[in-house]
Amino acid sequence: MRTESTASENSTASITPAIVCTHGDDVAEVRSEPGYRLSVRFFDGTSGVVDLSALITSANAGVFAELRDQDRFAEVGVELGAVTWSNGLDLAPDAMYVAIRETGSWILC
C-alpha cells in the first residue's frame, strides 16, 4: 500500500476557473455606513444605499437581529455578486438592484 499521496494539493484550482460574477446587476462593492446602512455599487456602475435600520431594530428582525452589533454589521462583504456577512446572512442583489435603479435606495423593514 502506498504511503504517499499522488494527488497534488489544490489540483482542481489549475483546471477549474474561479467563479466570477460581473453581470451588471451583481454587487461589485459594499461599505457599511452609520445607522445600519450600506453603500453599494453594482458592476454596471449603478450605486445607492441599502437601509436596514428598520429591519434590524424591529422586534421581528429574526436572524437579522445579529447585525445590531455594529462590529458584526461592519463585517459586510461581497460574495458571488451578493451582499454577505461573516455569519452567513446575505442579501440577494436582484431586488436591491431594481429598487436602487428606480429610487437610489432600497429600504428593508
N, C-alpha and C. Protein backbone atom coordinates (compact mmCIF):
# COMPACT_ATOMS: atom_id res chain seq x y z
N MET A 1 0.83 -1.17 0.00
CA MET A 1 0.00 0.00 0.00
C MET A 1 0.88 1.24 0.00
N ARG A 2 0.49 2.22 -0.77
CA ARG A 2 1.25 3.46 -0.86
C ARG A 2 1.06 4.33 0.38
N THR A 3 2.13 4.97 0.83
CA THR A 3 2.03 5.85 1.99
C THR A 3 2.01 7.31 1.58
N GLU A 4 2.37 7.60 0.35
CA GLU A 4 2.38 8.98 -0.13
C GLU A 4 1.23 9.20 -1.10
N SER A 5 0.65 10.35 -1.03
CA SER A 5 -0.43 10.70 -1.94
C SER A 5 0.14 11.09 -3.30
N THR A 6 -0.54 10.67 -4.35
CA THR A 6 -0.10 11.07 -5.69
C THR A 6 -0.87 12.29 -6.17
N ALA A 7 -1.88 12.69 -5.44
CA ALA A 7 -2.66 13.88 -5.81
C ALA A 7 -1.89 15.12 -5.38
N SER A 8 -1.89 16.11 -6.24
CA SER A 8 -1.22 17.36 -5.86
C SER A 8 -2.22 18.26 -5.15
N GLU A 9 -1.74 19.01 -4.20
CA GLU A 9 -2.60 19.90 -3.43
C GLU A 9 -3.23 20.95 -4.33
N ASN A 10 -4.53 21.17 -4.16
CA ASN A 10 -5.29 22.16 -4.94
C ASN A 10 -5.18 21.92 -6.44
N SER A 11 -5.17 20.68 -6.85
CA SER A 11 -5.00 20.38 -8.27
C SER A 11 -6.16 20.89 -9.12
N THR A 12 -7.38 20.95 -8.57
CA THR A 12 -8.51 21.43 -9.37
C THR A 12 -8.45 22.92 -9.61
N ALA A 13 -7.72 23.65 -8.80
CA ALA A 13 -7.62 25.09 -8.99
C ALA A 13 -6.99 25.44 -10.33
N SER A 14 -6.12 24.59 -10.82
CA SER A 14 -5.48 24.87 -12.11
C SER A 14 -6.36 24.46 -13.28
N ILE A 15 -7.38 23.66 -13.03
CA ILE A 15 -8.27 23.19 -14.09
C ILE A 15 -9.56 24.00 -14.14
N THR A 16 -10.16 24.23 -12.99
CA THR A 16 -11.45 24.90 -12.90
C THR A 16 -11.24 26.37 -12.54
N PRO A 17 -11.66 27.28 -13.41
CA PRO A 17 -11.50 28.70 -13.09
C PRO A 17 -12.44 29.11 -11.96
N ALA A 18 -12.05 30.10 -11.22
CA ALA A 18 -12.88 30.63 -10.14
C ALA A 18 -14.16 31.23 -10.71
N ILE A 19 -15.24 31.16 -9.94
CA ILE A 19 -16.50 31.78 -10.35
C ILE A 19 -16.38 33.27 -10.11
N VAL A 20 -16.62 34.05 -11.14
CA VAL A 20 -16.54 35.50 -11.03
C VAL A 20 -17.87 36.08 -11.51
N CYS A 21 -18.52 36.83 -10.65
CA CYS A 21 -19.80 37.44 -11.00
C CYS A 21 -19.56 38.87 -11.43
N THR A 22 -19.81 39.15 -12.70
CA THR A 22 -19.61 40.51 -13.21
C THR A 22 -20.80 40.98 -14.03
N HIS A 23 -21.95 40.34 -13.86
CA HIS A 23 -23.16 40.77 -14.55
C HIS A 23 -23.53 42.15 -14.01
N GLY A 24 -24.18 42.95 -14.81
CA GLY A 24 -24.49 44.33 -14.42
C GLY A 24 -25.20 44.47 -13.10
N ASP A 25 -26.09 43.52 -12.77
CA ASP A 25 -26.83 43.64 -11.51
C ASP A 25 -26.21 42.84 -10.36
N ASP A 26 -24.97 42.42 -10.51
CA ASP A 26 -24.23 41.82 -9.41
C ASP A 26 -23.53 42.93 -8.63
N VAL A 27 -23.50 42.79 -7.32
CA VAL A 27 -22.83 43.78 -6.47
C VAL A 27 -21.32 43.65 -6.65
N ALA A 28 -20.69 44.78 -6.90
CA ALA A 28 -19.23 44.83 -7.08
C ALA A 28 -18.53 45.28 -5.80
N GLU A 29 -19.20 46.15 -5.04
CA GLU A 29 -18.56 46.74 -3.86
C GLU A 29 -19.63 47.11 -2.85
N VAL A 30 -19.32 46.95 -1.57
CA VAL A 30 -20.23 47.35 -0.49
C VAL A 30 -19.41 47.91 0.67
N ARG A 31 -19.96 48.94 1.31
CA ARG A 31 -19.35 49.54 2.50
C ARG A 31 -20.43 49.74 3.55
N SER A 32 -20.11 49.45 4.80
CA SER A 32 -21.06 49.73 5.87
C SER A 32 -20.99 51.21 6.21
N GLU A 33 -22.14 51.76 6.54
CA GLU A 33 -22.27 53.17 6.91
C GLU A 33 -22.98 53.23 8.25
N PRO A 34 -22.90 54.36 8.95
CA PRO A 34 -23.61 54.50 10.22
C PRO A 34 -25.12 54.32 10.04
N GLY A 35 -25.78 53.90 11.12
CA GLY A 35 -27.23 53.79 11.11
C GLY A 35 -27.75 52.58 10.36
N TYR A 36 -26.97 51.50 10.33
CA TYR A 36 -27.36 50.26 9.64
C TYR A 36 -27.68 50.49 8.17
N ARG A 37 -26.81 51.23 7.53
CA ARG A 37 -26.95 51.48 6.09
C ARG A 37 -25.72 50.95 5.37
N LEU A 38 -25.92 50.62 4.10
CA LEU A 38 -24.84 50.13 3.25
C LEU A 38 -24.77 50.98 2.00
N SER A 39 -23.57 51.30 1.56
CA SER A 39 -23.36 51.90 0.24
C SER A 39 -22.98 50.76 -0.68
N VAL A 40 -23.71 50.63 -1.79
CA VAL A 40 -23.43 49.55 -2.73
C VAL A 40 -23.18 50.10 -4.12
N ARG A 41 -22.33 49.39 -4.86
CA ARG A 41 -22.09 49.70 -6.27
C ARG A 41 -22.17 48.40 -7.04
N PHE A 42 -22.90 48.44 -8.14
CA PHE A 42 -23.07 47.27 -9.00
C PHE A 42 -22.07 47.34 -10.14
N PHE A 43 -21.89 46.22 -10.83
CA PHE A 43 -20.92 46.16 -11.92
C PHE A 43 -21.25 47.08 -13.08
N ASP A 44 -22.52 47.44 -13.27
CA ASP A 44 -22.85 48.36 -14.36
C ASP A 44 -22.69 49.81 -13.97
N GLY A 45 -22.20 50.08 -12.74
CA GLY A 45 -21.97 51.44 -12.28
C GLY A 45 -23.10 52.01 -11.43
N THR A 46 -24.24 51.36 -11.41
CA THR A 46 -25.35 51.79 -10.56
C THR A 46 -24.90 51.75 -9.11
N SER A 47 -25.24 52.78 -8.35
CA SER A 47 -24.89 52.79 -6.93
C SER A 47 -26.00 53.42 -6.13
N GLY A 48 -26.04 53.09 -4.85
CA GLY A 48 -27.08 53.62 -3.98
C GLY A 48 -26.90 53.14 -2.56
N VAL A 49 -27.96 53.30 -1.78
CA VAL A 49 -27.94 52.99 -0.35
C VAL A 49 -28.96 51.91 -0.03
N VAL A 50 -28.55 50.96 0.80
CA VAL A 50 -29.46 49.96 1.35
C VAL A 50 -29.65 50.33 2.81
N ASP A 51 -30.90 50.56 3.21
CA ASP A 51 -31.21 50.95 4.58
C ASP A 51 -31.84 49.77 5.31
N LEU A 52 -31.10 49.22 6.24
CA LEU A 52 -31.57 48.07 7.01
C LEU A 52 -31.99 48.46 8.42
N SER A 53 -32.01 49.76 8.73
CA SER A 53 -32.24 50.20 10.11
C SER A 53 -33.59 49.74 10.66
N ALA A 54 -34.66 49.88 9.89
CA ALA A 54 -35.98 49.47 10.39
C ALA A 54 -36.04 47.97 10.63
N LEU A 55 -35.45 47.19 9.74
CA LEU A 55 -35.46 45.73 9.88
C LEU A 55 -34.64 45.29 11.08
N ILE A 56 -33.42 45.77 11.18
CA ILE A 56 -32.51 45.30 12.22
C ILE A 56 -32.99 45.69 13.62
N THR A 57 -33.61 46.85 13.76
CA THR A 57 -34.04 47.31 15.08
C THR A 57 -35.46 46.88 15.43
N SER A 58 -36.16 46.22 14.53
CA SER A 58 -37.55 45.82 14.80
C SER A 58 -37.60 44.59 15.70
N ALA A 59 -38.74 44.41 16.33
CA ALA A 59 -38.96 43.22 17.17
C ALA A 59 -39.01 41.96 16.32
N ASN A 60 -39.27 42.11 15.04
CA ASN A 60 -39.38 40.97 14.11
C ASN A 60 -38.13 40.82 13.24
N ALA A 61 -36.98 41.23 13.75
CA ALA A 61 -35.74 41.19 12.97
C ALA A 61 -35.30 39.77 12.64
N GLY A 62 -35.72 38.81 13.43
CA GLY A 62 -35.32 37.42 13.18
C GLY A 62 -33.81 37.27 13.17
N VAL A 63 -33.28 36.59 12.15
CA VAL A 63 -31.84 36.35 12.08
C VAL A 63 -31.05 37.64 11.90
N PHE A 64 -31.70 38.69 11.39
CA PHE A 64 -31.00 39.96 11.19
C PHE A 64 -30.73 40.69 12.50
N ALA A 65 -31.33 40.24 13.61
CA ALA A 65 -31.06 40.84 14.92
C ALA A 65 -29.58 40.73 15.27
N GLU A 66 -28.89 39.70 14.75
CA GLU A 66 -27.45 39.55 15.00
C GLU A 66 -26.66 40.75 14.51
N LEU A 67 -27.19 41.45 13.53
CA LEU A 67 -26.47 42.59 12.95
C LEU A 67 -26.63 43.87 13.77
N ARG A 68 -27.37 43.82 14.89
CA ARG A 68 -27.47 45.00 15.76
C ARG A 68 -26.11 45.38 16.32
N ASP A 69 -25.25 44.40 16.47
CA ASP A 69 -23.87 44.66 16.90
C ASP A 69 -23.16 45.37 15.75
N GLN A 70 -22.74 46.61 15.97
CA GLN A 70 -22.13 47.43 14.92
C GLN A 70 -20.88 46.77 14.32
N ASP A 71 -20.10 46.10 15.16
CA ASP A 71 -18.91 45.42 14.64
C ASP A 71 -19.30 44.29 13.69
N ARG A 72 -20.33 43.54 14.05
CA ARG A 72 -20.82 42.46 13.19
C ARG A 72 -21.37 43.04 11.89
N PHE A 73 -22.15 44.13 11.99
CA PHE A 73 -22.71 44.77 10.80
C PHE A 73 -21.60 45.21 9.85
N ALA A 74 -20.50 45.71 10.40
CA ALA A 74 -19.38 46.20 9.60
C ALA A 74 -18.61 45.09 8.90
N GLU A 75 -18.88 43.83 9.24
CA GLU A 75 -18.20 42.70 8.60
C GLU A 75 -18.81 42.34 7.24
N VAL A 76 -19.51 43.27 6.65
CA VAL A 76 -20.18 43.05 5.36
C VAL A 76 -19.16 42.91 4.24
N GLY A 77 -19.51 42.14 3.24
CA GLY A 77 -18.65 41.95 2.08
C GLY A 77 -19.48 41.51 0.88
N VAL A 78 -18.80 41.14 -0.18
CA VAL A 78 -19.47 40.66 -1.39
C VAL A 78 -18.97 39.27 -1.71
N GLU A 79 -19.90 38.37 -1.95
CA GLU A 79 -19.56 37.00 -2.35
C GLU A 79 -20.48 36.59 -3.48
N LEU A 80 -19.90 36.23 -4.60
CA LEU A 80 -20.66 35.80 -5.79
C LEU A 80 -21.72 36.82 -6.19
N GLY A 81 -21.39 38.10 -6.08
CA GLY A 81 -22.28 39.16 -6.52
C GLY A 81 -23.37 39.55 -5.54
N ALA A 82 -23.36 38.97 -4.34
CA ALA A 82 -24.37 39.27 -3.33
C ALA A 82 -23.71 39.88 -2.09
N VAL A 83 -24.45 40.72 -1.38
CA VAL A 83 -24.00 41.29 -0.12
C VAL A 83 -24.07 40.18 0.93
N THR A 84 -22.98 39.99 1.67
CA THR A 84 -22.92 38.92 2.67
C THR A 84 -22.26 39.41 3.95
N TRP A 85 -22.52 38.68 5.03
CA TRP A 85 -21.86 38.92 6.31
C TRP A 85 -21.15 37.66 6.74
N SER A 86 -20.22 37.82 7.67
CA SER A 86 -19.40 36.69 8.12
C SER A 86 -20.23 35.61 8.83
N ASN A 87 -21.42 35.95 9.30
CA ASN A 87 -22.26 34.96 10.00
C ASN A 87 -23.16 34.19 9.04
N GLY A 88 -23.01 34.40 7.72
CA GLY A 88 -23.77 33.64 6.74
C GLY A 88 -24.99 34.35 6.18
N LEU A 89 -25.39 35.46 6.77
CA LEU A 89 -26.53 36.21 6.23
C LEU A 89 -26.16 36.83 4.90
N ASP A 90 -27.14 36.94 4.02
CA ASP A 90 -26.87 37.59 2.74
C ASP A 90 -28.12 38.29 2.21
N LEU A 91 -27.90 39.18 1.27
CA LEU A 91 -28.97 39.89 0.58
C LEU A 91 -28.78 39.64 -0.91
N ALA A 92 -29.80 39.10 -1.55
CA ALA A 92 -29.72 38.86 -2.99
C ALA A 92 -29.73 40.20 -3.72
N PRO A 93 -28.97 40.30 -4.79
CA PRO A 93 -28.83 41.59 -5.47
C PRO A 93 -29.98 41.99 -6.38
N ASP A 94 -30.85 41.07 -6.80
CA ASP A 94 -31.84 41.40 -7.83
C ASP A 94 -32.84 42.46 -7.39
N ALA A 95 -33.52 42.27 -6.26
CA ALA A 95 -34.49 43.26 -5.78
C ALA A 95 -33.78 44.56 -5.38
N MET A 96 -32.59 44.42 -4.81
CA MET A 96 -31.80 45.59 -4.43
C MET A 96 -31.49 46.44 -5.66
N TYR A 97 -31.07 45.79 -6.72
CA TYR A 97 -30.71 46.49 -7.95
C TYR A 97 -31.90 47.25 -8.53
N VAL A 98 -33.05 46.59 -8.61
CA VAL A 98 -34.25 47.23 -9.18
C VAL A 98 -34.63 48.46 -8.36
N ALA A 99 -34.68 48.33 -7.04
CA ALA A 99 -35.06 49.46 -6.18
C ALA A 99 -34.07 50.61 -6.29
N ILE A 100 -32.79 50.31 -6.31
CA ILE A 100 -31.78 51.37 -6.39
C ILE A 100 -31.81 52.04 -7.75
N ARG A 101 -32.04 51.29 -8.81
CA ARG A 101 -32.18 51.91 -10.14
C ARG A 101 -33.36 52.87 -10.18
N GLU A 102 -34.46 52.50 -9.50
CA GLU A 102 -35.68 53.32 -9.53
C GLU A 102 -35.62 54.51 -8.59
N THR A 103 -35.08 54.32 -7.38
CA THR A 103 -35.18 55.37 -6.36
C THR A 103 -33.85 55.79 -5.74
N GLY A 104 -32.79 55.05 -6.01
CA GLY A 104 -31.50 55.35 -5.40
C GLY A 104 -31.28 54.69 -4.06
N SER A 105 -32.32 54.00 -3.57
CA SER A 105 -32.17 53.30 -2.29
C SER A 105 -33.08 52.09 -2.22
N TRP A 106 -32.76 51.20 -1.30
CA TRP A 106 -33.59 50.02 -1.03
C TRP A 106 -33.77 49.98 0.47
N ILE A 107 -35.00 50.09 0.92
CA ILE A 107 -35.31 50.13 2.35
C ILE A 107 -35.97 48.82 2.74
N LEU A 108 -35.35 48.11 3.67
CA LEU A 108 -35.91 46.85 4.16
C LEU A 108 -36.55 47.08 5.51
N CYS A 109 -37.76 46.59 5.70
CA CYS A 109 -38.43 46.72 7.00
C CYS A 109 -39.07 45.43 7.42
